[in-house]
Protein backbone atom coordinates (compact mmCIF):
# COMPACT_ATOMS: atom_id res chain seq x y z
CA MET A 1 -18.88 -4.34 6.99
CA LEU A 2 -16.95 -7.38 5.38
CA PHE A 3 -19.25 -6.75 2.52
CA LEU A 4 -17.98 -3.16 2.10
CA ILE A 5 -14.46 -4.41 2.32
CA ILE A 6 -15.12 -6.72 -0.45
CA LEU A 7 -16.49 -4.29 -2.67
CA SER A 8 -13.74 -1.96 -2.13
CA HIS A 9 -11.48 -4.71 -3.38
CA ILE A 10 -13.60 -5.16 -6.33
CA TYR A 11 -13.64 -1.53 -7.20
CA PHE A 12 -9.76 -1.67 -6.85
CA LEU A 13 -9.33 -4.24 -9.09
CA LEU A 14 -11.60 -3.05 -11.68
CA ASP A 15 -9.81 0.46 -11.35
CA LYS A 16 -6.45 -1.40 -12.10
CA PHE A 17 -7.88 -2.82 -15.32
CA ASN A 18 -9.25 0.69 -16.01
CA ASN A 19 -12.45 -1.05 -16.92
CA LYS A 20 -14.78 2.27 -16.38
CA GLU A 21 -17.78 0.63 -18.20
CA THR A 22 -17.67 -2.30 -15.76
CA ILE A 23 -17.86 -0.14 -12.79
CA PHE A 24 -20.49 1.86 -14.18
CA CYS A 25 -22.76 -1.19 -14.69
CA PHE A 26 -21.86 -2.20 -11.17
CA GLN A 27 -22.94 1.10 -9.59
CA LEU A 28 -26.19 0.68 -11.69
CA GLN A 29 -26.84 -2.73 -10.22
CA THR A 30 -26.28 -1.86 -6.79
CA GLU A 31 -28.92 0.92 -6.91
């Protein structure tokens, strides 16, 4: 559960920087 919380913080930080490419790559890695 803690891992999911950390993930959401990472997504929030990435979105804050508006780095959509990084988010996309991160999603591919988690699959």
